[in-house]
Amino acid sequence: MLGDELLIALGALFVLLLVALFILQRKQGQHYKNKIDALTLLVKDADKQRETLKQEIQELRSGTIGVGRRVMELEKRIAAQDVRLDESVQQEPQSRLYSRAIKMVQLGAGVEELMQECELPKAEAELLLRLHRR
């Protein structure tokens, strides 16, 4: 009989041990489930951030393309201005001649001196004298 009671006690102890292990495993399973849920939330948040960054990069690309086009337009305008400036410089010798003649008039030069130094016709020299003499 003692052997039967011992077997029953050992069986009960074994059942209690199994129940305790089951409860412990259940707690660990819940712990791991909580960790998995937390990691899932982190992954979802990272996906949202990635999408937001993707949209921002796309907007930056679009803006950069617009700026690039604007720069190209400005470069064309600058090139056109350079052409006009070159044309203006090529025409400038005549205007420099008149500027020199005006300075000479302001310094007291006469018609004959303007005609010789600046190679102006007499009528132009007289006109400059009348317009710019002090």
C-alpha atoms as a PDB file:
ATOM      1  CA  MET A   1       0.000   0.000   0.000  1.00  0.00           C
ATOM      2  CA  LEU A   2       2.794   2.285   0.797  1.00  0.00           C
ATOM      3  CA  GLY A   3       4.022   1.743  -2.692  1.00  0.00           C
ATOM      4  CA  ASP A   4       0.630   2.711  -4.142  1.00  0.00           C
ATOM      5  CA  GLU A   5       0.440   5.857  -2.059  1.00  0.00           C
ATOM      6  CA  LEU A   6       3.937   6.740  -3.079  1.00  0.00           C
ATOM      7  CA  LEU A   7       3.039   6.223  -6.717  1.00  0.00           C
ATOM      8  CA  ILE A   8      -0.075   8.348  -6.309  1.00  0.00           C
ATOM      9  CA  ALA A   9       1.933  11.075  -4.545  1.00  0.00           C
ATOM     10  CA  LEU A  10       4.604  10.934  -7.246  1.00  0.00           C
ATOM     11  CA  GLY A  11       1.894  11.033  -9.929  1.00  0.00           C
ATOM     12  CA  ALA A  12       0.257  14.029  -8.258  1.00  0.00           C
ATOM     13  CA  LEU A  13       3.649  15.714  -7.936  1.00  0.00           C
ATOM     14  CA  PHE A  14       4.317  14.965 -11.572  1.00  0.00           C
ATOM     15  CA  VAL A  15       0.945  16.457 -12.575  1.00  0.00           C
ATOM     16  CA  LEU A  16       1.659  19.561 -10.444  1.00  0.00           C
ATOM     17  CA  LEU A  17       5.055  19.874 -12.059  1.00  0.00           C
ATOM     18  CA  LEU A  18       3.492  19.581 -15.509  1.00  0.00           C
ATOM     19  CA  VAL A  19       0.877  22.219 -14.612  1.00  0.00           C
ATOM     20  CA  ALA A  20       3.628  24.522 -13.290  1.00  0.00           C
ATOM     21  CA  LEU A  21       5.661  24.028 -16.480  1.00  0.00           C
ATOM     22  CA  PHE A  22       2.564  24.694 -18.571  1.00  0.00           C
ATOM     23  CA  ILE A  23       1.866  27.914 -16.658  1.00  0.00           C
ATOM     24  CA  LEU A  24       5.514  28.982 -16.957  1.00  0.00           C
ATOM     25  CA  GLN A  25       5.544  28.238 -20.679  1.00  0.00           C
ATOM     26  CA  ARG A  26       2.283  30.148 -21.083  1.00  0.00           C
ATOM     27  CA  LYS A  27       3.802  33.188 -19.327  1.00  0.00           C
ATOM     28  CA  GLN A  28       6.897  33.007 -21.526  1.00  0.00           C
ATOM     29  CA  GLY A  29       4.689  32.659 -24.595  1.00  0.00           C
ATOM     30  CA  GLN A  30       2.781  35.786 -23.566  1.00  0.00           C
ATOM     31  CA  HIS A  31       6.091  37.574 -22.967  1.00  0.00           C
ATOM     32  CA  TYR A  32       7.296  36.653 -26.455  1.00  0.00           C
ATOM     33  CA  LYS A  33       3.925  37.618 -27.948  1.00  0.00           C
ATOM     34  CA  ASN A  34       4.240  41.042 -26.302  1.00  0.00           C
ATOM     35  CA  LYS A  35       7.745  41.418 -27.738  1.00  0.00           C
ATOM     36  CA  ILE A  36       6.541  40.393 -31.197  1.00  0.00           C
ATOM     37  CA  ASP A  37       3.676  42.902 -30.972  1.00  0.00           C
ATOM     38  CA  ALA A  38       6.114  45.663 -29.953  1.00  0.00           C
ATOM     39  CA  LEU A  39       8.461  44.784 -32.806  1.00  0.00           C
ATOM     40  CA  THR A  40       5.534  44.732 -35.242  1.00  0.00           C
ATOM     41  CA  LEU A  41       4.597  48.265 -34.164  1.00  0.00           C
ATOM     42  CA  LEU A  42       8.201  49.395 -34.644  1.00  0.00           C
ATOM     43  CA  VAL A  43       8.275  47.916 -38.142  1.00  0.00           C
ATOM     44  CA  LYS A  44       4.983  49.622 -39.042  1.00  0.00           C
ATOM     45  CA  ASP A  45       6.318  52.947 -37.731  1.00  0.00           C
ATOM     46  CA  ALA A  46       9.544  52.488 -39.707  1.00  0.00           C
ATOM     47  CA  ASP A  47       7.474  51.782 -42.847  1.00  0.00           C
ATOM     48  CA  LYS A  48       5.494  54.997 -42.333  1.00  0.00           C
ATOM     49  CA  GLN A  49       8.720  56.970 -41.875  1.00  0.00           C
ATOM     50  CA  ARG A  50      10.190  55.366 -44.996  1.00  0.00           C
ATOM     51  CA  GLU A  51       7.113  56.334 -47.025  1.00  0.00           C
ATOM     52  CA  THR A  52       7.261  59.888 -45.704  1.00  0.00           C
ATOM     53  CA  LEU A  53      10.945  60.149 -46.602  1.00  0.00           C
ATOM     54  CA  LYS A  54      10.246  58.674 -50.017  1.00  0.00           C
ATOM     55  CA  GLN A  55       7.632  61.375 -50.675  1.00  0.00           C
ATOM     56  CA  GLU A  56       9.979  64.109 -49.449  1.00  0.00           C
ATOM     57  CA  ILE A  57      12.746  62.855 -51.725  1.00  0.00           C
ATOM     58  CA  GLN A  58      10.318  62.848 -54.655  1.00  0.00           C
ATOM     59  CA  GLU A  59       9.345  66.447 -53.862  1.00  0.00           C
ATOM     60  CA  LEU A  60      13.019  67.419 -53.669  1.00  0.00           C
ATOM     61  CA  ARG A  61      13.656  65.771 -57.028  1.00  0.00           C
ATOM     62  CA  SER A  62      10.780  67.682 -58.588  1.00  0.00           C
ATOM     63  CA  GLY A  63      12.045  70.920 -57.077  1.00  0.00           C
ATOM     64  CA  THR A  64      15.561  70.233 -58.264  1.00  0.00           C
ATOM     65  CA  ILE A  65      14.330  69.585 -61.789  1.00  0.00           C
ATOM     66  CA  GLY A  66      12.455  72.900 -61.700  1.00  0.00           C
ATOM     67  CA  VAL A  67      15.520  74.728 -60.441  1.00  0.00           C
ATOM     68  CA  GLY A  68      17.631  73.058 -63.129  1.00  0.00           C
ATOM     69  CA  ARG A  69      15.257  74.249 -65.825  1.00  0.00           C
ATOM     70  CA  ARG A  70      15.283  77.757 -64.388  1.00  0.00           C
ATOM     71  CA  VAL A  71      19.103  77.750 -64.329  1.00  0.00           C
ATOM     72  CA  MET A  72      19.172  76.662 -67.970  1.00  0.00           C
ATOM     73  CA  GLU A  73      16.807  79.496 -68.886  1.00  0.00           C
ATOM     74  CA  LEU A  74      18.978  81.973 -67.023  1.00  0.00           C
ATOM     75  CA  GLU A  75      22.105  80.663 -68.744  1.00  0.00           C
ATOM     76  CA  LYS A  76      20.420  81.215 -72.124  1.00  0.00           C
ATOM     77  CA  ARG A  77      19.480  84.753 -71.108  1.00  0.00           C
ATOM     78  CA  ILE A  78      23.030  85.439 -69.920  1.00  0.00           C
ATOM     79  CA  ALA A  79      24.408  84.123 -73.205  1.00  0.00           C
ATOM     80  CA  ALA A  80      22.043  86.427 -75.100  1.00  0.00           C
ATOM     81  CA  GLN A  81      23.147  89.344 -72.891  1.00  0.00           C
ATOM     82  CA  ASP A  82      26.775  88.472 -73.630  1.00  0.00           C
ATOM     83  CA  VAL A  83      26.054  88.603 -77.358  1.00  0.00           C
ATOM     84  CA  ARG A  84      24.376  92.000 -76.985  1.00  0.00           C
ATOM     85  CA  LEU A  85      27.277  93.241 -74.856  1.00  0.00           C
ATOM     86  CA  ASP A  86      29.777  92.092 -77.466  1.00  0.00           C
ATOM     87  CA  GLU A  87      27.790  93.888 -80.154  1.00  0.00           C
ATOM     88  CA  SER A  88      27.680  96.979 -77.972  1.00  0.00           C
ATOM     89  CA  VAL A  89      31.433  96.868 -77.417  1.00  0.00           C
ATOM     90  CA  GLN A  90      31.997  96.577 -81.141  1.00  0.00           C
ATOM     91  CA  GLN A  91      29.910  99.709 -81.675  1.00  0.00           C
ATOM     92  CA  GLU A  92      31.555 101.476 -78.774  1.00  0.00           C
ATOM     93  CA  PRO A  93      34.573 102.982 -80.555  1.00  0.00           C
ATOM     94  CA  GLN A  94      32.256 105.586 -82.099  1.00  0.00           C
ATOM     95  CA  SER A  95      30.712 106.419 -78.726  1.00  0.00           C
ATOM     96  CA  ARG A  96      34.173 106.577 -77.137  1.00  0.00           C
ATOM     97  CA  LEU A  97      35.117 109.060 -79.798  1.00  0.00           C
ATOM     98  CA  TYR A  98      32.184 111.278 -78.854  1.00  0.00           C
ATOM     99  CA  SER A  99      32.944 110.906 -75.135  1.00  0.00           C
ATOM    100  CA  ARG A 100      36.495 112.028 -75.799  1.00  0.00           C
ATOM    101  CA  ALA A 101      35.239 114.965 -77.870  1.00  0.00           C
ATOM    102  CA  ILE A 102      32.854 116.001 -75.060  1.00  0.00           C
ATOM    103  CA  LYS A 103      35.706 115.923 -72.543  1.00  0.00           C
ATOM    104  CA  MET A 104      37.833 118.010 -74.871  1.00  0.00           C
ATOM    105  CA  VAL A 105      35.006 120.559 -75.184  1.00  0.00           C
ATOM    106  CA  GLN A 106      34.707 120.691 -71.394  1.00  0.00           C
ATOM    107  CA  LEU A 107      38.457 121.323 -71.203  1.00  0.00           C
ATOM    108  CA  GLY A 108      38.135 124.192 -73.662  1.00  0.00           C
ATOM    109  CA  ALA A 109      38.951 122.681 -77.068  1.00  0.00           C
ATOM    110  CA  GLY A 110      37.770 124.479 -80.184  1.00  0.00           C
ATOM    111  CA  VAL A 111      36.087 123.347 -83.415  1.00  0.00           C
ATOM    112  CA  GLU A 112      39.351 122.861 -85.314  1.00  0.00           C
ATOM    113  CA  GLU A 113      40.926 120.808 -82.516  1.00  0.00           C
ATOM    114  CA  LEU A 114      37.822 118.554 -82.324  1.00  0.00           C
ATOM    115  CA  MET A 115      37.850 118.055 -86.064  1.00  0.00           C
ATOM    116  CA  GLN A 116      41.525 117.031 -86.056  1.00  0.00           C
ATOM    117  CA  GLU A 117      41.729 114.936 -82.880  1.00  0.00           C
ATOM    118  CA  CYS A 118      38.378 113.166 -83.135  1.00  0.00           C
ATOM    119  CA  GLU A 119      37.993 113.172 -86.913  1.00  0.00           C
ATOM    120  CA  LEU A 120      34.600 114.833 -86.685  1.00  0.00           C
ATOM    121  CA  PRO A 121      32.918 116.801 -89.440  1.00  0.00           C
ATOM    122  CA  LYS A 122      32.726 120.545 -88.787  1.00  0.00           C
ATOM    123  CA  ALA A 123      28.944 120.453 -88.166  1.00  0.00           C
ATOM    124  CA  GLU A 124      29.265 117.753 -85.483  1.00  0.00           C
ATOM    125  CA  ALA A 125      32.148 119.553 -83.821  1.00  0.00           C
ATOM    126  CA  GLU A 126      30.132 122.793 -83.710  1.00  0.00           C
ATOM    127  CA  LEU A 127      27.086 120.917 -82.331  1.00  0.00           C
ATOM    128  CA  LEU A 128      29.167 119.336 -79.565  1.00  0.00           C
ATOM    129  CA  LEU A 129      30.576 122.740 -78.669  1.00  0.00           C
ATOM    130  CA  ARG A 130      27.101 124.260 -78.384  1.00  0.00           C
ATOM    131  CA  LEU A 131      25.693 121.329 -76.353  1.00  0.00           C
ATOM    132  CA  HIS A 132      28.577 120.795 -73.918  1.00  0.00           C
ATOM    133  CA  ARG A 133      30.359 124.062 -73.457  1.00  0.00           C
ATOM    134  CA  ARG A 134      30.087 125.369 -69.910  1.00  0.00           C
END
